Amino acid sequence: MTTYDHYDQAKQIAERIEREGFPEKAQNVRYAIENGKSGTEIFMQLRFYLSPLLDEERVDSFTKEKIGTLIEKINEALTR
């Protein structure tokens, strides 16, 4: 069984979206991870910052796939 590391995936996504021209979104993702008061708060912020990028044409399809998976995993964790 492999464990999905939400935070590591979010950091990888932040690196990718920064390279793809979204430095402010990348900074928001990093800030959420570093400064969130609880896991729930961090997850809610990540979902808030990353969801709009799924509709952004300039985001690479692989990055969108990673974002979609992270959001799915966050939703699963929040409903447990």
N, C-alpha and C. Protein backbone atom coordinates (compact mmCIF):
# COMPACT_ATOMS: atom_id res chain seq x y z
N MET A 1 0.84 -1.18 0.00
CA MET A 1 0.00 0.00 0.00
C MET A 1 0.89 1.24 0.00
N THR A 2 0.61 2.15 -0.90
CA THR A 2 1.35 3.40 -0.94
C THR A 2 0.52 4.50 -0.30
N THR A 3 1.20 5.41 0.33
CA THR A 3 0.54 6.52 0.99
C THR A 3 0.68 7.76 0.12
N TYR A 4 -0.40 8.45 -0.09
CA TYR A 4 -0.39 9.68 -0.87
C TYR A 4 0.02 10.82 0.05
N ASP A 5 1.06 11.53 -0.31
CA ASP A 5 1.56 12.65 0.49
C ASP A 5 1.02 13.95 -0.11
N HIS A 6 -0.06 14.44 0.47
CA HIS A 6 -0.73 15.63 -0.03
C HIS A 6 0.21 16.83 -0.11
N TYR A 7 0.98 17.00 0.94
CA TYR A 7 1.85 18.18 1.02
C TYR A 7 2.99 18.11 0.01
N ASP A 8 3.58 16.94 -0.14
CA ASP A 8 4.65 16.79 -1.13
C ASP A 8 4.10 17.02 -2.54
N GLN A 9 2.93 16.48 -2.82
CA GLN A 9 2.33 16.68 -4.13
C GLN A 9 2.02 18.15 -4.37
N ALA A 10 1.52 18.83 -3.34
CA ALA A 10 1.22 20.26 -3.47
C ALA A 10 2.50 21.05 -3.75
N LYS A 11 3.59 20.69 -3.09
CA LYS A 11 4.87 21.37 -3.33
C LYS A 11 5.36 21.14 -4.75
N GLN A 12 5.21 19.91 -5.24
CA GLN A 12 5.59 19.61 -6.63
C GLN A 12 4.73 20.42 -7.61
N ILE A 13 3.46 20.51 -7.33
CA ILE A 13 2.55 21.29 -8.18
C ILE A 13 2.96 22.76 -8.15
N ALA A 14 3.31 23.27 -6.97
CA ALA A 14 3.74 24.67 -6.86
C ALA A 14 4.95 24.93 -7.75
N GLU A 15 5.89 24.01 -7.76
CA GLU A 15 7.06 24.17 -8.63
C GLU A 15 6.65 24.21 -10.10
N ARG A 16 5.76 23.30 -10.47
CA ARG A 16 5.32 23.23 -11.87
C ARG A 16 4.56 24.49 -12.29
N ILE A 17 3.62 24.94 -11.45
CA ILE A 17 2.83 26.10 -11.87
C ILE A 17 3.67 27.37 -11.86
N GLU A 18 4.68 27.41 -11.03
CA GLU A 18 5.59 28.57 -11.07
C GLU A 18 6.33 28.60 -12.41
N ARG A 19 6.82 27.46 -12.85
CA ARG A 19 7.51 27.38 -14.15
C ARG A 19 6.56 27.68 -15.31
N GLU A 20 5.28 27.39 -15.11
CA GLU A 20 4.30 27.58 -16.18
C GLU A 20 3.72 28.99 -16.19
N GLY A 21 4.23 29.87 -15.33
CA GLY A 21 3.82 31.27 -15.39
C GLY A 21 2.83 31.73 -14.35
N PHE A 22 2.71 30.99 -13.25
CA PHE A 22 1.78 31.36 -12.20
C PHE A 22 2.51 31.47 -10.86
N PRO A 23 3.47 32.38 -10.77
CA PRO A 23 4.25 32.49 -9.52
C PRO A 23 3.41 32.88 -8.31
N GLU A 24 2.37 33.69 -8.52
CA GLU A 24 1.53 34.08 -7.39
C GLU A 24 0.74 32.91 -6.84
N LYS A 25 0.24 32.05 -7.72
CA LYS A 25 -0.49 30.86 -7.27
C LYS A 25 0.46 29.90 -6.56
N ALA A 26 1.67 29.76 -7.09
CA ALA A 26 2.67 28.90 -6.45
C ALA A 26 2.98 29.41 -5.05
N GLN A 27 3.13 30.71 -4.92
CA GLN A 27 3.42 31.29 -3.61
C GLN A 27 2.25 31.07 -2.65
N ASN A 28 1.03 31.18 -3.14
CA ASN A 28 -0.15 30.92 -2.30
C ASN A 28 -0.17 29.49 -1.79
N VAL A 29 0.19 28.54 -2.66
CA VAL A 29 0.23 27.13 -2.27
C VAL A 29 1.27 26.93 -1.18
N ARG A 30 2.44 27.48 -1.38
CA ARG A 30 3.52 27.33 -0.38
C ARG A 30 3.13 27.99 0.94
N TYR A 31 2.54 29.15 0.85
CA TYR A 31 2.12 29.87 2.05
C TYR A 31 1.08 29.06 2.83
N ALA A 32 0.13 28.48 2.12
CA ALA A 32 -0.91 27.68 2.77
C ALA A 32 -0.28 26.51 3.55
N ILE A 33 0.67 25.84 2.93
CA ILE A 33 1.32 24.70 3.58
C ILE A 33 2.12 25.15 4.81
N GLU A 34 2.84 26.22 4.67
CA GLU A 34 3.74 26.66 5.73
C GLU A 34 3.02 27.37 6.88
N ASN A 35 1.88 27.98 6.61
CA ASN A 35 1.25 28.83 7.62
C ASN A 35 -0.16 28.41 8.04
N GLY A 36 -0.66 27.33 7.49
CA GLY A 36 -1.98 26.87 7.89
C GLY A 36 -2.00 26.44 9.34
N LYS A 37 -3.08 26.70 10.01
CA LYS A 37 -3.19 26.38 11.44
C LYS A 37 -3.60 24.92 11.67
N SER A 38 -4.22 24.31 10.67
CA SER A 38 -4.64 22.91 10.81
C SER A 38 -4.62 22.26 9.43
N GLY A 39 -4.66 20.95 9.43
CA GLY A 39 -4.70 20.23 8.16
C GLY A 39 -5.92 20.60 7.33
N THR A 40 -7.05 20.76 8.00
CA THR A 40 -8.27 21.12 7.30
C THR A 40 -8.13 22.49 6.64
N GLU A 41 -7.57 23.44 7.38
CA GLU A 41 -7.38 24.78 6.81
C GLU A 41 -6.45 24.73 5.60
N ILE A 42 -5.38 23.98 5.72
CA ILE A 42 -4.43 23.86 4.60
C ILE A 42 -5.12 23.25 3.40
N PHE A 43 -5.85 22.16 3.61
CA PHE A 43 -6.54 21.50 2.50
C PHE A 43 -7.55 22.43 1.83
N MET A 44 -8.29 23.18 2.61
CA MET A 44 -9.28 24.10 2.04
C MET A 44 -8.60 25.18 1.21
N GLN A 45 -7.48 25.69 1.69
CA GLN A 45 -6.76 26.71 0.95
C GLN A 45 -6.16 26.13 -0.34
N LEU A 46 -5.59 24.95 -0.25
CA LEU A 46 -5.03 24.33 -1.46
C LEU A 46 -6.12 24.14 -2.51
N ARG A 47 -7.24 23.65 -2.10
CA ARG A 47 -8.35 23.45 -3.03
C ARG A 47 -8.79 24.78 -3.64
N PHE A 48 -8.86 25.82 -2.82
CA PHE A 48 -9.27 27.15 -3.28
C PHE A 48 -8.29 27.72 -4.31
N TYR A 49 -7.00 27.60 -4.04
CA TYR A 49 -6.00 28.17 -4.94
C TYR A 49 -5.79 27.35 -6.21
N LEU A 50 -5.92 26.04 -6.10
CA LEU A 50 -5.59 25.19 -7.25
C LEU A 50 -6.77 24.92 -8.18
N SER A 51 -7.97 24.87 -7.67
CA SER A 51 -9.14 24.54 -8.51
C SER A 51 -9.26 25.40 -9.76
N PRO A 52 -9.09 26.72 -9.69
CA PRO A 52 -9.23 27.53 -10.90
C PRO A 52 -8.21 27.18 -12.00
N LEU A 53 -7.09 26.60 -11.62
CA LEU A 53 -6.07 26.27 -12.62
C LEU A 53 -6.49 25.11 -13.51
N LEU A 54 -7.49 24.34 -13.08
CA LEU A 54 -7.98 23.24 -13.92
C LEU A 54 -8.62 23.76 -15.21
N ASP A 55 -9.08 25.00 -15.20
CA ASP A 55 -9.71 25.60 -16.37
C ASP A 55 -8.78 26.56 -17.12
N GLU A 56 -7.56 26.67 -16.65
CA GLU A 56 -6.60 27.60 -17.25
C GLU A 56 -5.90 26.92 -18.44
N GLU A 57 -6.04 27.52 -19.61
CA GLU A 57 -5.46 26.95 -20.83
C GLU A 57 -3.94 26.85 -20.80
N ARG A 58 -3.28 27.76 -20.09
CA ARG A 58 -1.82 27.79 -20.09
C ARG A 58 -1.19 26.73 -19.18
N VAL A 59 -2.01 26.02 -18.43
CA VAL A 59 -1.48 24.98 -17.54
C VAL A 59 -1.36 23.68 -18.32
N ASP A 60 -0.20 23.07 -18.22
CA ASP A 60 0.11 21.80 -18.89
C ASP A 60 -0.88 20.70 -18.46
N SER A 61 -1.21 19.81 -19.35
CA SER A 61 -2.18 18.75 -19.05
C SER A 61 -1.70 17.83 -17.92
N PHE A 62 -0.40 17.55 -17.85
CA PHE A 62 0.12 16.71 -16.76
C PHE A 62 -0.05 17.43 -15.42
N THR A 63 0.19 18.73 -15.41
CA THR A 63 0.01 19.51 -14.18
C THR A 63 -1.46 19.50 -13.78
N LYS A 64 -2.35 19.65 -14.75
CA LYS A 64 -3.78 19.60 -14.45
C LYS A 64 -4.16 18.24 -13.87
N GLU A 65 -3.57 17.19 -14.38
CA GLU A 65 -3.85 15.85 -13.86
C GLU A 65 -3.40 15.75 -12.40
N LYS A 66 -2.21 16.27 -12.11
CA LYS A 66 -1.71 16.25 -10.73
C LYS A 66 -2.60 17.09 -9.81
N ILE A 67 -3.05 18.24 -10.30
CA ILE A 67 -3.94 19.10 -9.51
C ILE A 67 -5.26 18.36 -9.25
N GLY A 68 -5.82 17.77 -10.29
CA GLY A 68 -7.07 17.04 -10.15
C GLY A 68 -6.98 15.91 -9.15
N THR A 69 -5.88 15.17 -9.21
CA THR A 69 -5.68 14.08 -8.26
C THR A 69 -5.56 14.60 -6.84
N LEU A 70 -4.79 15.67 -6.66
CA LEU A 70 -4.65 16.26 -5.33
C LEU A 70 -5.99 16.71 -4.79
N ILE A 71 -6.78 17.38 -5.60
CA ILE A 71 -8.09 17.85 -5.16
C ILE A 71 -8.99 16.66 -4.79
N GLU A 72 -8.95 15.59 -5.59
CA GLU A 72 -9.71 14.37 -5.27
C GLU A 72 -9.30 13.82 -3.91
N LYS A 73 -8.00 13.72 -3.69
CA LYS A 73 -7.48 13.18 -2.44
C LYS A 73 -7.83 14.09 -1.26
N ILE A 74 -7.80 15.39 -1.47
CA ILE A 74 -8.20 16.33 -0.42
C ILE A 74 -9.68 16.12 -0.09
N ASN A 75 -10.50 16.04 -1.12
CA ASN A 75 -11.95 15.83 -0.90
C ASN A 75 -12.21 14.53 -0.13
N GLU A 76 -11.49 13.47 -0.49
CA GLU A 76 -11.63 12.20 0.23
C GLU A 76 -11.25 12.36 1.70
N ALA A 77 -10.14 13.03 1.94
CA ALA A 77 -9.66 13.22 3.32
C ALA A 77 -10.64 14.07 4.14
N LEU A 78 -11.23 15.07 3.50
CA LEU A 78 -12.13 15.96 4.23
C LEU A 78 -13.49 15.31 4.53
N THR A 79 -13.82 14.26 3.82
CA THR A 79 -15.13 13.62 4.04
C THR A 79 -15.01 12.39 4.95
N ARG A 80 -13.83 12.08 5.40
CA ARG A 80 -13.67 10.92 6.31
C ARG A 80 -14.11 11.26 7.69
